[in-house]
PDB file of N, CA and C in Angstrom:
ATOM      1  N   MET A   1    -108.070  97.149  84.836  1.00  0.00           N
ATOM      2  CA  MET A   1    -109.243  97.991  84.915  1.00  0.00           C
ATOM      3  C   MET A   1    -109.219  98.944  83.742  1.00  0.00           C
ATOM      4  N   GLU A   2    -110.288  98.877  83.038  1.00  0.00           N
ATOM      5  CA  GLU A   2    -110.380  99.738  81.877  1.00  0.00           C
ATOM      6  C   GLU A   2    -110.643 101.181  82.280  1.00  0.00           C
ATOM      7  N   GLY A   3    -110.039 102.078  81.584  1.00  0.00           N
ATOM      8  CA  GLY A   3    -110.279 103.490  81.818  1.00  0.00           C
ATOM      9  C   GLY A   3    -109.498 104.056  82.986  1.00  0.00           C
ATOM     10  N   CYS A   4    -108.845 103.200  83.706  1.00  0.00           N
ATOM     11  CA  CYS A   4    -108.053 103.695  84.839  1.00  0.00           C
ATOM     12  C   CYS A   4    -106.670 104.067  84.343  1.00  0.00           C
ATOM     13  N   GLN A   5    -106.216 105.165  84.782  1.00  0.00           N
ATOM     14  CA  GLN A   5    -104.872 105.577  84.413  1.00  0.00           C
ATOM     15  C   GLN A   5    -103.982 105.456  85.643  1.00  0.00           C
ATOM     16  N   THR A   6    -102.787 105.112  85.385  1.00  0.00           N
ATOM     17  CA  THR A   6    -101.833 105.055  86.475  1.00  0.00           C
ATOM     18  C   THR A   6    -101.384 106.482  86.772  1.00  0.00           C
ATOM     19  N   VAL A   7    -101.561 106.854  87.977  1.00  0.00           N
ATOM     20  CA  VAL A   7    -101.161 108.203  88.380  1.00  0.00           C
ATOM     21  C   VAL A   7     -99.929 108.072  89.260  1.00  0.00           C
ATOM     22  N   GLU A   8     -98.895 108.706  88.828  1.00  0.00           N
ATOM     23  CA  GLU A   8     -97.685 108.676  89.639  1.00  0.00           C
ATOM     24  C   GLU A   8     -97.757 109.810  90.656  1.00  0.00           C
ATOM     25  N   ARG A   9     -97.500 109.413  91.843  1.00  0.00           N
ATOM     26  CA  ARG A   9     -97.478 110.442  92.895  1.00  0.00           C
ATOM     27  C   ARG A   9     -96.136 111.142  92.873  1.00  0.00           C
ATOM     28  N   GLN A  10     -96.218 112.415  92.903  1.00  0.00           N
ATOM     29  CA  GLN A  10     -94.976 113.169  92.991  1.00  0.00           C
ATOM     30  C   GLN A  10     -94.523 113.148  94.438  1.00  0.00           C
ATOM     31  N   GLN A  11     -93.266 112.899  94.588  1.00  0.00           N
ATOM     32  CA  GLN A  11     -92.750 112.893  95.948  1.00  0.00           C
ATOM     33  C   GLN A  11     -92.644 114.328  96.445  1.00  0.00           C
ATOM     34  N   GLN A  12     -93.202 114.518  97.599  1.00  0.00           N
ATOM     35  CA  GLN A  12     -93.131 115.835  98.228  1.00  0.00           C
ATOM     36  C   GLN A  12     -91.733 115.992  98.827  1.00  0.00           C
ATOM     37  N   PRO A  13     -91.129 117.134  98.632  1.00  0.00           N
ATOM     38  CA  PRO A  13     -89.834 117.325  99.292  1.00  0.00           C
ATOM     39  C   PRO A  13     -90.037 117.275 100.804  1.00  0.00           C
ATOM     40  N   GLN A  14     -89.134 116.601 101.456  1.00  0.00           N
ATOM     41  CA  GLN A  14     -89.268 116.496 102.908  1.00  0.00           C
ATOM     42  C   GLN A  14     -89.101 117.871 103.528  1.00  0.00           C
ATOM     43  N   GLN A  15     -90.035 118.166 104.398  1.00  0.00           N
ATOM     44  CA  GLN A  15     -89.959 119.449 105.083  1.00  0.00           C
ATOM     45  C   GLN A  15     -88.915 119.350 106.183  1.00  0.00           C
ATOM     46  N   LYS A  16     -88.217 120.431 106.340  1.00  0.00           N
ATOM     47  CA  LYS A  16     -87.235 120.458 107.416  1.00  0.00           C
ATOM     48  C   LYS A  16     -87.975 120.459 108.740  1.00  0.00           C
ATOM     49  N   LYS A  17     -87.540 119.590 109.607  1.00  0.00           N
ATOM     50  CA  LYS A  17     -88.149 119.542 110.929  1.00  0.00           C
ATOM     51  C   LYS A  17     -87.421 120.522 111.831  1.00  0.00           C
ATOM     52  N   LYS A  18     -88.196 121.228 112.611  1.00  0.00           N
ATOM     53  CA  LYS A  18     -87.595 122.137 113.566  1.00  0.00           C
ATOM     54  C   LYS A  18     -86.941 121.309 114.655  1.00  0.00           C
ATOM     55  N   LEU A  19     -85.775 121.743 115.034  1.00  0.00           N
ATOM     56  CA  LEU A  19     -85.111 121.050 116.123  1.00  0.00           C
ATOM     57  C   LEU A  19     -85.850 121.353 117.411  1.00  0.00           C
ATOM     58  N   LYS A  20     -86.185 120.296 118.107  1.00  0.00           N
ATOM     59  CA  LYS A  20     -86.869 120.500 119.377  1.00  0.00           C
ATOM     60  C   LYS A  20     -85.832 120.778 120.449  1.00  0.00           C
ATOM     61  N   VAL A  21     -86.083 121.804 121.187  1.00  0.00           N
ATOM     62  CA  VAL A  21     -85.226 122.128 122.307  1.00  0.00           C
ATOM     63  C   VAL A  21     -85.834 121.444 123.518  1.00  0.00           C
ATOM     64  N   ASP A  22     -84.971 120.844 124.302  1.00  0.00           N
ATOM     65  CA  ASP A  22     -85.455 120.177 125.505  1.00  0.00           C
ATOM     66  C   ASP A  22     -86.269 121.142 126.349  1.00  0.00           C
ATOM     67  N   ARG A  23     -87.453 120.731 126.703  1.00  0.00           N
ATOM     68  CA  ARG A  23     -88.274 121.570 127.578  1.00  0.00           C
ATOM     69  C   ARG A  23     -88.100 121.068 128.998  1.00  0.00           C
ATOM     70  N   ARG A  24     -87.362 121.801 129.745  1.00  0.00           N
ATOM     71  CA  ARG A  24     -87.131 121.457 131.144  1.00  0.00           C
ATOM     72  C   ARG A  24     -87.921 122.425 132.004  1.00  0.00           C
ATOM     73  N   ARG A  25     -88.520 121.894 133.022  1.00  0.00           N
ATOM     74  CA  ARG A  25     -89.186 122.775 133.984  1.00  0.00           C
ATOM     75  C   ARG A  25     -88.131 123.594 134.710  1.00  0.00           C
ATOM     76  N   TRP A  26     -88.471 124.824 134.972  1.00  0.00           N
ATOM     77  CA  TRP A  26     -87.574 125.689 135.720  1.00  0.00           C
ATOM     78  C   TRP A  26     -87.747 125.388 137.203  1.00  0.00           C
ATOM     79  N   THR A  27     -86.646 125.174 137.887  1.00  0.00           N
ATOM     80  CA  THR A  27     -86.694 124.962 139.331  1.00  0.00           C
ATOM     81  C   THR A  27     -86.625 126.318 140.025  1.00  0.00           C
ATOM     82  N   GLN A  28     -86.970 126.314 141.296  1.00  0.00           N
ATOM     83  CA  GLN A  28     -86.886 127.564 142.057  1.00  0.00           C
ATOM     84  C   GLN A  28     -85.435 128.050 142.106  1.00  0.00           C
ATOM     85  N   LYS A  29     -84.505 127.114 142.243  1.00  0.00           N
ATOM     86  CA  LYS A  29     -83.084 127.479 142.261  1.00  0.00           C
ATOM     87  C   LYS A  29     -82.693 128.164 140.949  1.00  0.00           C
ATOM     88  N   GLU A  30     -83.196 127.653 139.830  1.00  0.00           N
ATOM     89  CA  GLU A  30     -82.893 128.254 138.530  1.00  0.00           C
ATOM     90  C   GLU A  30     -83.518 129.640 138.400  1.00  0.00           C
ATOM     91  N   GLU A  31     -84.729 129.802 138.901  1.00  0.00           N
ATOM     92  CA  GLU A  31     -85.379 131.119 138.849  1.00  0.00           C
ATOM     93  C   GLU A  31     -84.589 132.142 139.657  1.00  0.00           C
ATOM     94  N   VAL A  32     -84.114 131.729 140.830  1.00  0.00           N
ATOM     95  CA  VAL A  32     -83.313 132.632 141.664  1.00  0.00           C
ATOM     96  C   VAL A  32     -82.012 132.974 140.947  1.00  0.00           C
ATOM     97  N   GLU A  33     -81.382 131.968 140.353  1.00  0.00           N
ATOM     98  CA  GLU A  33     -80.109 132.200 139.658  1.00  0.00           C
ATOM     99  C   GLU A  33     -80.292 133.068 138.416  1.00  0.00           C
ATOM    100  N   LEU A  34     -81.399 132.891 137.703  1.00  0.00           N
ATOM    101  CA  LEU A  34     -81.686 133.748 136.547  1.00  0.00           C
ATOM    102  C   LEU A  34     -81.849 135.196 137.004  1.00  0.00           C
ATOM    103  N   THR A  35     -82.518 135.391 138.121  1.00  0.00           N
ATOM    104  CA  THR A  35     -82.694 136.738 138.668  1.00  0.00           C
ATOM    105  C   THR A  35     -81.342 137.346 139.028  1.00  0.00           C
ATOM    106  N   ARG A  36     -80.493 136.561 139.689  1.00  0.00           N
ATOM    107  CA  ARG A  36     -79.148 137.051 140.036  1.00  0.00           C
ATOM    108  C   ARG A  36     -78.370 137.438 138.781  1.00  0.00           C
ATOM    109  N   ALA A  37     -78.425 136.567 137.779  1.00  0.00           N
ATOM    110  CA  ALA A  37     -77.695 136.837 136.535  1.00  0.00           C
ATOM    111  C   ALA A  37     -78.218 138.111 135.875  1.00  0.00           C
ATOM    112  N   TRP A  38     -79.538 138.273 135.845  1.00  0.00           N
ATOM    113  CA  TRP A  38     -80.129 139.460 135.229  1.00  0.00           C
ATOM    114  C   TRP A  38     -79.673 140.722 135.961  1.00  0.00           C
ATOM    115  N   VAL A  39     -79.715 140.693 137.294  1.00  0.00           N
ATOM    116  CA  VAL A  39     -79.302 141.860 138.079  1.00  0.00           C
ATOM    117  C   VAL A  39     -77.820 142.150 137.845  1.00  0.00           C
ATOM    118  N   ASP A  40     -76.977 141.114 137.918  1.00  0.00           N
ATOM    119  CA  ASP A  40     -75.531 141.313 137.727  1.00  0.00           C
ATOM    120  C   ASP A  40     -75.217 141.941 136.373  1.00  0.00           C
ATOM    121  N   ILE A  41     -75.810 141.401 135.324  1.00  0.00           N
ATOM    122  CA  ILE A  41     -75.517 141.899 133.979  1.00  0.00           C
ATOM    123  C   ILE A  41     -76.150 143.274 133.762  1.00  0.00           C
ATOM    124  N   SER A  42     -77.342 143.479 134.295  1.00  0.00           N
ATOM    125  CA  SER A  42     -78.026 144.776 134.137  1.00  0.00           C
ATOM    126  C   SER A  42     -77.269 145.899 134.822  1.00  0.00           C
ATOM    127  N   GLU A  43     -76.622 145.578 135.932  1.00  0.00           N
ATOM    128  CA  GLU A  43     -75.923 146.605 136.705  1.00  0.00           C
ATOM    129  C   GLU A  43     -74.444 146.701 136.359  1.00  0.00           C
ATOM    130  N   ASP A  44     -74.006 146.012 135.323  1.00  0.00           N
ATOM    131  CA  ASP A  44     -72.607 146.037 134.913  1.00  0.00           C
ATOM    132  C   ASP A  44     -72.312 147.358 134.219  1.00  0.00           C
ATOM    133  N   GLY A  45     -71.707 148.267 134.950  1.00  0.00           N
ATOM    134  CA  GLY A  45     -71.407 149.593 134.412  1.00  0.00           C
ATOM    135  C   GLY A  45     -70.382 149.565 133.291  1.00  0.00           C
ATOM    136  N   GLY A  46     -69.559 148.532 133.247  1.00  0.00           N
ATOM    137  CA  GLY A  46     -68.528 148.426 132.219  1.00  0.00           C
ATOM    138  C   GLY A  46     -69.103 148.276 130.821  1.00  0.00           C
ATOM    139  N   MET A  47     -70.234 147.609 130.707  1.00  0.00           N
ATOM    140  CA  MET A  47     -70.852 147.400 129.394  1.00  0.00           C
ATOM    141  C   MET A  47     -71.740 148.571 129.007  1.00  0.00           C
ATOM    142  N   GLY A  48     -72.384 149.122 129.981  1.00  0.00           N
ATOM    143  CA  GLY A  48     -73.268 150.243 129.694  1.00  0.00           C
ATOM    144  C   GLY A  48     -74.381 149.862 128.748  1.00  0.00           C
ATOM    145  N   LYS A  49     -74.826 150.824 127.980  1.00  0.00           N
ATOM    146  CA  LYS A  49     -75.936 150.586 127.058  1.00  0.00           C
ATOM    147  C   LYS A  49     -75.431 150.258 125.661  1.00  0.00           C
ATOM    148  N   GLY A  50     -74.145 149.963 125.541  1.00  0.00           N
ATOM    149  CA  GLY A  50     -73.565 149.687 124.238  1.00  0.00           C
ATOM    150  C   GLY A  50     -73.838 148.293 123.709  1.00  0.00           C
ATOM    151  N   GLN A  51     -74.421 147.447 124.531  1.00  0.00           N
ATOM    152  CA  GLN A  51     -74.682 146.080 124.069  1.00  0.00           C
ATOM    153  C   GLN A  51     -76.090 145.971 123.498  1.00  0.00           C
ATOM    154  N   ASN A  52     -76.232 145.140 122.478  1.00  0.00           N
ATOM    155  CA  ASN A  52     -77.569 144.949 121.924  1.00  0.00           C
ATOM    156  C   ASN A  52     -78.301 143.857 122.714  1.00  0.00           C
ATOM    157  N   ARG A  53     -79.550 143.671 122.383  1.00  0.00           N
ATOM    158  CA  ARG A  53     -80.411 142.734 123.113  1.00  0.00           C
ATOM    159  C   ARG A  53     -79.837 141.319 123.116  1.00  0.00           C
ATOM    160  N   ASP A  54     -79.373 140.854 121.955  1.00  0.00           N
ATOM    161  CA  ASP A  54     -78.835 139.494 121.857  1.00  0.00           C
ATOM    162  C   ASP A  54     -77.594 139.317 122.720  1.00  0.00           C
ATOM    163  N   GLN A  55     -76.705 140.301 122.688  1.00  0.00           N
ATOM    164  CA  GLN A  55     -75.501 140.240 123.526  1.00  0.00           C
ATOM    165  C   GLN A  55     -75.874 140.232 125.007  1.00  0.00           C
ATOM    166  N   PHE A  56     -76.821 141.077 125.356  1.00  0.00           N
ATOM    167  CA  PHE A  56     -77.285 141.183 126.733  1.00  0.00           C
ATOM    168  C   PHE A  56     -77.779 139.829 127.240  1.00  0.00           C
ATOM    169  N   TRP A  57     -78.657 139.176 126.465  1.00  0.00           N
ATOM    170  CA  TRP A  57     -79.225 137.897 126.906  1.00  0.00           C
ATOM    171  C   TRP A  57     -78.226 136.759 126.815  1.00  0.00           C
ATOM    172  N   LEU A  58     -77.277 136.839 125.929  1.00  0.00           N
ATOM    173  CA  LEU A  58     -76.225 135.832 125.874  1.00  0.00           C
ATOM    174  C   LEU A  58     -75.373 135.900 127.140  1.00  0.00           C
ATOM    175  N   ARG A  59     -75.047 137.107 127.563  1.00  0.00           N
ATOM    176  CA  ARG A  59     -74.266 137.280 128.797  1.00  0.00           C
ATOM    177  C   ARG A  59     -75.052 136.796 130.015  1.00  0.00           C
ATOM    178  N   ILE A  60     -76.336 137.097 130.063  1.00  0.00           N
ATOM    179  CA  ILE A  60     -77.169 136.625 131.176  1.00  0.00           C
ATOM    180  C   ILE A  60     -77.206 135.103 131.185  1.00  0.00           C
ATOM    181  N   THR A  61     -77.384 134.505 130.017  1.00  0.00           N
ATOM    182  CA  THR A  61     -77.471 133.046 129.922  1.00  0.00           C
ATOM    183  C   THR A  61     -76.171 132.391 130.366  1.00  0.00           C
ATOM    184  N   LYS A  62     -75.047 132.936 129.941  1.00  0.00           N
ATOM    185  CA  LYS A  62     -73.748 132.389 130.364  1.00  0.00           C
ATOM    186  C   LYS A  62     -73.588 132.485 131.876  1.00  0.00           C
ATOM    187  N   ARG A  63     -73.946 133.641 132.429  1.00  0.00           N
ATOM    188  CA  ARG A  63     -73.833 133.829 133.883  1.00  0.00           C
ATOM    189  C   ARG A  63     -74.774 132.876 134.616  1.00  0.00           C
ATOM    190  N   PHE A  64     -75.980 132.727 134.095  1.00  0.00           N
ATOM    191  CA  PHE A  64     -76.968 131.816 134.686  1.00  0.00           C
ATOM    192  C   PHE A  64     -76.438 130.382 134.702  1.00  0.00           C
ATOM    193  N   CYS A  65     -75.962 129.895 133.560  1.00  0.00           N
ATOM    194  CA  CYS A  65     -75.468 128.509 133.469  1.00  0.00           C
ATOM    195  C   CYS A  65     -74.278 128.289 134.398  1.00  0.00           C
ATOM    196  N   LYS A  66     -73.401 129.270 134.467  1.00  0.00           N
ATOM    197  CA  LYS A  66     -72.254 129.177 135.372  1.00  0.00           C
ATOM    198  C   LYS A  66     -72.735 129.124 136.822  1.00  0.00           C
ATOM    199  N   GLY A  67     -73.720 129.935 137.143  1.00  0.00           N
ATOM    200  CA  GLY A  67     -74.243 130.007 138.507  1.00  0.00           C
ATOM    201  C   GLY A  67     -74.890 128.723 138.991  1.00  0.00           C
ATOM    202  N   ILE A  68     -75.486 127.971 138.066  1.00  0.00           N
ATOM    203  CA  ILE A  68     -76.111 126.705 138.474  1.00  0.00           C
ATOM    204  C   ILE A  68     -75.196 125.514 138.206  1.00  0.00           C
ATOM    205  N   GLY A  69     -73.982 125.810 137.718  1.00  0.00           N
ATOM    206  CA  GLY A  69     -73.003 124.755 137.497  1.00  0.00           C
ATOM    207  C   GLY A  69     -73.326 123.841 136.325  1.00  0.00           C
ATOM    208  N   ARG A  70     -73.876 124.416 135.258  1.00  0.00           N
ATOM    209  CA  ARG A  70     -74.241 123.641 134.064  1.00  0.00           C
ATOM    210  C   ARG A  70     -73.440 124.109 132.861  1.00  0.00           C
ATOM    211  N   ASN A  71     -73.450 123.280 131.814  1.00  0.00           N
ATOM    212  CA  ASN A  71     -72.820 123.655 130.546  1.00  0.00           C
ATOM    213  C   ASN A  71     -73.536 124.874 129.972  1.00  0.00           C
ATOM    214  N   PRO A  72     -72.822 125.695 129.192  1.00  0.00           N
ATOM    215  CA  PRO A  72     -73.439 126.899 128.622  1.00  0.00           C
ATOM    216  C   PRO A  72     -74.637 126.636 127.711  1.00  0.00           C
ATOM    217  N   ASP A  73     -74.798 125.407 127.248  1.00  0.00           N
ATOM    218  CA  ASP A  73     -75.933 125.119 126.372  1.00  0.00           C
ATOM    219  C   ASP A  73     -77.118 124.503 127.120  1.00  0.00           C
ATOM    220  N   TYR A  74     -77.084 124.546 128.449  1.00  0.00           N
ATOM    221  CA  TYR A  74     -78.177 123.981 129.251  1.00  0.00           C
ATOM    222  C   TYR A  74     -79.496 124.693 128.971  1.00  0.00           C
ATOM    223  N   ARG A  75     -79.451 126.006 128.885  1.00  0.00           N
ATOM    224  CA  ARG A  75     -80.603 126.834 128.504  1.00  0.00           C
ATOM    225  C   ARG A  75     -80.153 127.785 127.405  1.00  0.00           C
ATOM    226  N   THR A  76     -81.066 128.090 126.495  1.00  0.00           N
ATOM    227  CA  THR A  76     -80.742 129.046 125.434  1.00  0.00           C
ATOM    228  C   THR A  76     -81.042 130.467 125.917  1.00  0.00           C
ATOM    229  N   SER A  77     -80.500 131.433 125.202  1.00  0.00           N
ATOM    230  CA  SER A  77     -80.788 132.840 125.514  1.00  0.00           C
ATOM    231  C   SER A  77     -82.279 133.114 125.385  1.00  0.00           C
ATOM    232  N   SER A  78     -82.893 132.504 124.390  1.00  0.00           N
ATOM    233  CA  SER A  78     -84.329 132.685 124.173  1.00  0.00           C
ATOM    234  C   SER A  78     -85.137 132.131 125.347  1.00  0.00           C
ATOM    235  N   GLN A  79     -84.733 130.973 125.853  1.00  0.00           N
ATOM    236  CA  GLN A  79     -85.432 130.395 127.006  1.00  0.00           C
ATOM    237  C   GLN A  79     -85.297 131.300 128.227  1.00  0.00           C
ATOM    238  N   CYS A  80     -84.090 131.800 128.452  1.00  0.00           N
ATOM    239  CA  CYS A  80     -83.869 132.681 129.610  1.00  0.00           C
ATOM    240  C   CYS A  80     -84.665 133.975 129.468  1.00  0.00           C
ATOM    241  N   ASN A  81     -84.675 134.547 128.279  1.00  0.00           N
ATOM    242  CA  ASN A  81     -85.423 135.777 128.032  1.00  0.00           C
ATOM    243  C   ASN A  81     -86.917 135.546 128.252  1.00  0.00           C
ATOM    244  N   SER A  82     -87.453 134.463 127.712  1.00  0.00           N
ATOM    245  CA  SER A  82     -88.884 134.160 127.869  1.00  0.00           C
ATOM    246  C   SER A  82     -89.247 133.957 129.329  1.00  0.00           C
ATOM    247  N   LYS A  83     -88.417 133.200 130.033  1.00  0.00           N
ATOM    248  CA  LYS A  83     -88.693 132.943 131.456  1.00  0.00           C
ATOM    249  C   LYS A  83     -88.635 134.250 132.241  1.00  0.00           C
ATOM    250  N   TRP A  84     -87.638 135.075 131.948  1.00  0.00           N
ATOM    251  CA  TRP A  84     -87.522 136.348 132.655  1.00  0.00           C
ATOM    252  C   TRP A  84     -88.749 137.223 132.416  1.00  0.00           C
ATOM    253  N   ASN A  85     -89.242 137.270 131.188  1.00  0.00           N
ATOM    254  CA  ASN A  85     -90.425 138.079 130.887  1.00  0.00           C
ATOM    255  C   ASN A  85     -91.629 137.619 131.700  1.00  0.00           C
ATOM    256  N   LEU A  86     -91.815 136.312 131.826  1.00  0.00           N
ATOM    257  CA  LEU A  86     -92.922 135.788 132.640  1.00  0.00           C
ATOM    258  C   LEU A  86     -92.727 136.137 134.114  1.00  0.00           C
ATOM    259  N   MET A  87     -91.512 135.909 134.605  1.00  0.00           N
ATOM    260  CA  MET A  87     -91.225 136.193 136.013  1.00  0.00           C
ATOM    261  C   MET A  87     -91.361 137.679 136.307  1.00  0.00           C
ATOM    262  N   ASN A  88     -90.892 138.508 135.404  1.00  0.00           N
ATOM    263  CA  ASN A  88     -90.903 139.951 135.617  1.00  0.00           C
ATOM    264  C   ASN A  88     -92.325 140.487 135.752  1.00  0.00           C
ATOM    265  N   LYS A  89     -93.260 139.957 134.977  1.00  0.00           N
ATOM    266  CA  LYS A  89     -94.660 140.393 135.086  1.00  0.00           C
ATOM    267  C   LYS A  89     -95.210 140.089 136.473  1.00  0.00           C
ATOM    268  N   VAL A  90     -94.926 138.902 136.966  1.00  0.00           N
ATOM    269  CA  VAL A  90     -95.428 138.490 138.279  1.00  0.00           C
ATOM    270  C   VAL A  90     -94.773 139.314 139.384  1.00  0.00           C
ATOM    271  N   VAL A  91     -93.467 139.478 139.293  1.00  0.00           N
ATOM    272  CA  VAL A  91     -92.734 140.238 140.315  1.00  0.00           C
ATOM    273  C   VAL A  91     -93.183 141.697 140.330  1.00  0.00           C
ATOM    274  N   THR A  92     -93.379 142.274 139.163  1.00  0.00           N
ATOM    275  CA  THR A  92     -93.829 143.664 139.071  1.00  0.00           C
ATOM    276  C   THR A  92     -95.208 143.830 139.696  1.00  0.00           C
ATOM    277  N   HIS A  93     -96.084 142.866 139.464  1.00  0.00           N
ATOM    278  CA  HIS A  93     -97.425 142.910 140.052  1.00  0.00           C
ATOM    279  C   HIS A  93     -97.340 142.831 141.584  1.00  0.00           C
ATOM    280  N   TRP A  94     -96.545 141.884 142.085  1.00  0.00           N
ATOM    281  CA  TRP A  94     -96.383 141.723 143.537  1.00  0.00           C
ATOM    282  C   TRP A  94     -95.806 143.000 144.146  1.00  0.00           C
ATOM    283  N   ASN A  95     -94.805 143.569 143.492  1.00  0.00           N
ATOM    284  CA  ASN A  95     -94.164 144.779 143.993  1.00  0.00           C
ATOM    285  C   ASN A  95     -95.141 145.950 144.041  1.00  0.00           C
ATOM    286  N   GLY A  96     -96.026 146.047 143.054  1.00  0.00           N
ATOM    287  CA  GLY A  96     -97.037 147.113 143.059  1.00  0.00           C
ATOM    288  C   GLY A  96     -97.965 147.003 144.258  1.00  0.00           C
ATOM    289  N   ILE A  97     -98.368 145.779 144.575  1.00  0.00           N
ATOM    290  CA  ILE A  97     -99.229 145.558 145.748  1.00  0.00           C
ATOM    291  C   ILE A  97     -98.478 145.942 147.014  1.00  0.00           C
ATOM    292  N   TYR A  98     -97.234 145.503 147.114  1.00  0.00           N
ATOM    293  CA  TYR A  98     -96.414 145.800 148.291  1.00  0.00           C
ATOM    294  C   TYR A  98     -96.254 147.312 148.469  1.00  0.00           C
ATOM    295  N   LYS A  99     -95.952 148.005 147.391  1.00  0.00           N
ATOM    296  CA  LYS A  99     -95.753 149.463 147.470  1.00  0.00           C
ATOM    297  C   LYS A  99     -97.028 150.177 147.927  1.00  0.00           C
ATOM    298  N   ASN A 100     -98.191 149.713 147.461  1.00  0.00           N
ATOM    299  CA  ASN A 100     -99.456 150.314 147.900  1.00  0.00           C
ATOM    300  C   ASN A 100     -99.669 150.118 149.393  1.00  0.00           C
ATOM    301  N   PHE A 101     -99.409 148.912 149.884  1.00  0.00           N
ATOM    302  CA  PHE A 101     -99.551 148.673 151.322  1.00  0.00           C
ATOM    303  C   PHE A 101     -98.499 149.434 152.118  1.00  0.00           C
ATOM    304  N   GLU A 102     -97.317 149.577 151.554  1.00  0.00           N
ATOM    305  CA  GLU A 102     -96.244 150.293 152.234  1.00  0.00           C
ATOM    306  C   GLU A 102     -96.625 151.761 152.462  1.00  0.00           C
ATOM    307  N   LYS A 103     -97.329 152.357 151.495  1.00  0.00           N
ATOM    308  CA  LYS A 103     -97.783 153.747 151.639  1.00  0.00           C
ATOM    309  C   LYS A 103     -98.765 153.898 152.796  1.00  0.00           C
ATOM    310  N   GLN A 104     -99.541 152.834 153.044  1.00  0.00           N
ATOM    311  CA  GLN A 104    -100.556 152.872 154.096  1.00  0.00           C
ATOM    312  C   GLN A 104    -100.039 152.290 155.413  1.00  0.00           C
ATOM    313  N   TRP A 105     -98.786 151.944 155.454  1.00  0.00           N
ATOM    314  CA  TRP A 105     -98.190 151.239 156.584  1.00  0.00           C
ATOM    315  C   TRP A 105     -98.284 152.067 157.865  1.00  0.00           C
ATOM    316  N   ALA A 106     -98.936 151.495 158.845  1.00  0.00           N
ATOM    317  CA  ALA A 106     -99.027 152.156 160.154  1.00  0.00           C
ATOM    318  C   ALA A 106     -97.756 151.830 160.939  1.00  0.00           C
ATOM    319  N   SER A 107     -97.289 152.775 161.726  1.00  0.00           N
ATOM    320  CA  SER A 107     -96.028 152.584 162.446  1.00  0.00           C
ATOM    321  C   SER A 107     -96.084 151.400 163.419  1.00  0.00           C
ATOM    322  N   ARG A 108     -97.270 151.059 163.884  1.00  0.00           N
ATOM    323  CA  ARG A 108     -97.396 149.948 164.832  1.00  0.00           C
ATOM    324  C   ARG A 108     -97.397 148.580 164.137  1.00  0.00           C
ATOM    325  N   GLU A 109     -97.468 148.616 162.815  1.00  0.00           N
ATOM    326  CA  GLU A 109     -97.544 147.383 162.040  1.00  0.00           C
ATOM    327  C   GLU A 109     -96.136 146.840 161.754  1.00  0.00           C
ATOM    328  N   SER A 110     -95.985 145.530 161.868  1.00  0.00           N
ATOM    329  CA  SER A 110     -94.679 144.926 161.582  1.00  0.00           C
ATOM    330  C   SER A 110     -94.527 144.696 160.079  1.00  0.00           C
ATOM    331  N   GLU A 111     -93.292 144.536 159.654  1.00  0.00           N
ATOM    332  CA  GLU A 111     -93.059 144.241 158.237  1.00  0.00           C
ATOM    333  C   GLU A 111     -93.631 142.872 157.879  1.00  0.00           C
ATOM    334  N   THR A 112     -93.636 141.964 158.846  1.00  0.00           N
ATOM    335  CA  THR A 112     -94.234 140.642 158.620  1.00  0.00           C
ATOM    336  C   THR A 112     -95.709 140.787 158.279  1.00  0.00           C
ATOM    337  N   SER A 113     -96.392 141.666 158.990  1.00  0.00           N
ATOM    338  CA  SER A 113     -97.808 141.920 158.724  1.00  0.00           C
ATOM    339  C   SER A 113     -97.997 142.498 157.319  1.00  0.00           C
ATOM    340  N   LEU A 114     -97.132 143.416 156.955  1.00  0.00           N
ATOM    341  CA  LEU A 114     -97.179 144.027 155.624  1.00  0.00           C
ATOM    342  C   LEU A 114     -96.989 142.962 154.534  1.00  0.00           C
ATOM    343  N   LEU A 115     -96.028 142.072 154.744  1.00  0.00           N
ATOM    344  CA  LEU A 115     -95.771 141.006 153.773  1.00  0.00           C
ATOM    345  C   LEU A 115     -96.942 140.030 153.685  1.00  0.00           C
ATOM    346  N   LYS A 116     -97.557 139.725 154.826  1.00  0.00           N
ATOM    347  CA  LYS A 116     -98.716 138.814 154.832  1.00  0.00           C
ATOM    348  C   LYS A 116     -99.884 139.415 154.050  1.00  0.00           C
ATOM    349  N   LYS A 117    -100.139 140.711 154.264  1.00  0.00           N
ATOM    350  CA  LYS A 117    -101.220 141.376 153.530  1.00  0.00           C
ATOM    351  C   LYS A 117    -100.921 141.398 152.030  1.00  0.00           C
ATOM    352  N   THR A 118     -99.677 141.685 151.701  1.00  0.00           N
ATOM    353  CA  THR A 118     -99.279 141.704 150.291  1.00  0.00           C
ATOM    354  C   THR A 118     -99.484 140.331 149.670  1.00  0.00           C
ATOM    355  N   HIS A 119     -99.028 139.305 150.362  1.00  0.00           N
ATOM    356  CA  HIS A 119     -99.144 137.938 149.844  1.00  0.00           C
ATOM    357  C   HIS A 119    -100.608 137.536 149.666  1.00  0.00           C
ATOM    358  N   ALA A 120    -101.443 137.858 150.646  1.00  0.00           N
ATOM    359  CA  ALA A 120    -102.870 137.502 150.561  1.00  0.00           C
ATOM    360  C   ALA A 120    -103.534 138.194 149.366  1.00  0.00           C
ATOM    361  N   THR A 121    -103.255 139.466 149.196  1.00  0.00           N
ATOM    362  CA  THR A 121    -103.831 140.209 148.069  1.00  0.00           C
ATOM    363  C   THR A 121    -103.311 139.663 146.743  1.00  0.00           C
ATOM    364  N   PHE A 122    -102.030 139.370 146.697  1.00  0.00           N
ATOM    365  CA  PHE A 122    -101.422 138.810 145.489  1.00  0.00           C
ATOM    366  C   PHE A 122    -102.083 137.480 145.124  1.00  0.00           C
ATOM    367  N   GLN A 123    -102.291 136.615 146.117  1.00  0.00           N
ATOM    368  CA  GLN A 123    -102.929 135.317 145.866  1.00  0.00           C
ATOM    369  C   GLN A 123    -104.358 135.495 145.354  1.00  0.00           C
ATOM    370  N   ASP A 124    -105.073 136.468 145.915  1.00  0.00           N
ATOM    371  CA  ASP A 124    -106.444 136.741 145.457  1.00  0.00           C
ATOM    372  C   ASP A 124    -106.457 137.194 143.994  1.00  0.00           C
ATOM    373  N   ASP A 125    -105.455 137.980 143.617  1.00  0.00           N
ATOM    374  CA  ASP A 125    -105.370 138.490 142.247  1.00  0.00           C
ATOM    375  C   ASP A 125    -105.021 137.400 141.234  1.00  0.00           C
ATOM    376  N   MET A 126    -104.295 136.422 141.684  1.00  0.00           N
ATOM    377  CA  MET A 126    -103.848 135.372 140.757  1.00  0.00           C
ATOM    378  C   MET A 126    -104.961 134.380 140.616  1.00  0.00           C
TER     379      MET A 126
END
């Protein structure tokens, strides 16, 4: 072909692919164990406030993995932190509803009734 020039394509450097972390659904058992780990580590008076955020979440993750009987690399600190942040928002919202009903709690009312009202209101909000 006349007038056509051969154009050499420059090879693009291969981009580094991000390592995909296994996305596992959190089970209810794992959510409960994450909560236990968070409470245990948060209330550890021996460490106090001297630990930084990364150390804090690493300790929670280790405790969590031990609690569910998994290898320490089953979940990352980042995964545990993210899950806790999501759970904490929901729990805080539920607790706020419960506390409001608790203030209005009539002595003749059972705690079961209080919990049912809290749950119904919480479901309506979600």
